[in-house]
């Protein structure tokens, strides 16, 4: 026989229904804690601001500056960081 079953059936200072109710509340709390924490974590992540992303600019090759084999490299490229302006 399970020790918990004996403990729930004993008559002592508190009513056995109190012990049963308390056990049910504790069990429900433990079973629902992880899903509640997951939902709150998702809400927190959704409330956070998105980090700024770098701006990448690709330009076409310049006919005057790039001749011959250098045209295979492509045009000028520039990367700007928007967070540096803040």
Protein backbone atom coordinates (compact mmCIF):
# COMPACT_ATOMS: atom_id res chain seq x y z
CA UNK A 1 0.00 0.00 0.00
CA UNK A 2 1.22 3.50 -0.84
CA UNK A 3 2.45 5.58 2.12
CA UNK A 4 0.56 8.63 0.81
CA UNK A 5 -2.72 6.74 0.89
CA UNK A 6 -2.17 5.86 4.55
CA UNK A 7 -1.23 9.45 5.35
CA UNK A 8 -4.36 10.82 3.62
CA UNK A 9 -6.62 8.38 5.46
CA UNK A 10 -5.32 9.12 8.95
CA UNK A 11 -7.31 11.21 11.37
CA UNK A 12 -5.27 13.84 13.09
CA UNK A 13 -5.25 17.50 13.94
CA UNK A 14 -6.63 18.52 10.52
CA UNK A 15 -9.50 17.08 8.58
CA UNK A 16 -8.45 14.50 5.95
CA UNK A 17 -10.28 16.56 3.34
CA UNK A 18 -7.94 19.46 4.09
CA UNK A 19 -4.93 17.24 3.35
CA UNK A 20 -6.54 15.95 0.16
CA UNK A 21 -7.40 19.48 -1.01
CA UNK A 22 -3.88 20.68 -0.24
CA UNK A 23 -2.35 17.77 -2.14
CA UNK A 24 -4.60 18.49 -5.15
CA UNK A 25 -3.65 22.20 -5.10
CA UNK A 26 0.06 21.41 -4.91
CA UNK A 27 -0.23 18.87 -7.69
CA UNK A 28 -2.13 21.32 -9.93
CA UNK A 29 0.44 24.04 -9.23
CA UNK A 30 3.34 21.78 -10.19
CA UNK A 31 1.61 20.57 -13.38
CA UNK A 32 0.66 24.07 -14.59
CA UNK A 33 3.82 25.95 -13.58
CA UNK A 34 5.95 25.13 -16.65
CA UNK A 35 3.27 26.07 -19.23
CA UNK A 36 2.57 29.34 -17.39
CA UNK A 37 6.27 30.19 -17.28
CA UNK A 38 6.63 29.37 -20.98
CA UNK A 39 3.74 31.70 -21.86
CA UNK A 40 5.20 34.53 -19.78
CA UNK A 41 8.62 34.02 -21.36
CA UNK A 42 7.07 34.25 -24.85
CA UNK A 43 5.22 37.44 -23.85
CA UNK A 44 8.45 38.95 -22.56
CA UNK A 45 10.33 38.12 -25.77
CA UNK A 46 7.49 39.57 -27.86
CA UNK A 47 7.65 42.82 -25.87
CA UNK A 48 11.37 43.32 -26.47
CA UNK A 49 12.55 45.68 -29.18
CA UNK A 50 14.18 44.10 -32.20
CA UNK A 51 17.91 44.77 -32.40
CA UNK A 52 18.92 47.13 -35.20
CA UNK A 53 20.33 45.43 -38.26
CA UNK A 54 23.22 46.75 -40.35
CA UNK A 55 22.41 48.43 -43.66
CA UNK A 56 24.34 46.86 -46.54
CA UNK A 57 24.60 48.85 -49.79
CA UNK A 58 25.87 47.19 -52.98
CA UNK A 59 26.62 49.47 -55.91
CA UNK A 60 27.01 48.55 -59.56
CA UNK A 61 30.54 48.56 -61.01
CA UNK A 62 31.71 52.01 -62.11
CA UNK A 63 32.85 51.98 -65.76
CA UNK A 64 35.37 54.76 -65.20
CA UNK A 65 37.00 53.38 -62.07
CA UNK A 66 36.80 49.67 -62.74
CA UNK A 67 38.17 48.35 -66.00
CA UNK A 68 39.26 44.93 -67.16
CA UNK A 69 39.46 42.16 -64.56
CA UNK A 70 38.49 44.43 -61.64
CA UNK A 71 34.89 44.51 -62.94
CA UNK A 72 34.54 40.88 -61.86
CA UNK A 73 34.85 42.03 -58.26
CA UNK A 74 31.66 44.06 -58.54
CA UNK A 75 30.94 47.58 -57.40
CA UNK A 76 31.59 49.33 -54.15
CA UNK A 77 30.02 47.95 -50.99
CA UNK A 78 29.16 49.89 -47.87
CA UNK A 79 27.94 48.65 -44.48
CA UNK A 80 26.38 51.15 -42.10
CA UNK A 81 25.52 50.52 -38.47
CA UNK A 82 22.34 52.35 -37.43
CA UNK A 83 23.07 51.87 -33.73
CA UNK A 84 26.27 53.96 -34.00
CA UNK A 85 24.15 57.05 -34.78
CA UNK A 86 22.17 56.84 -31.56
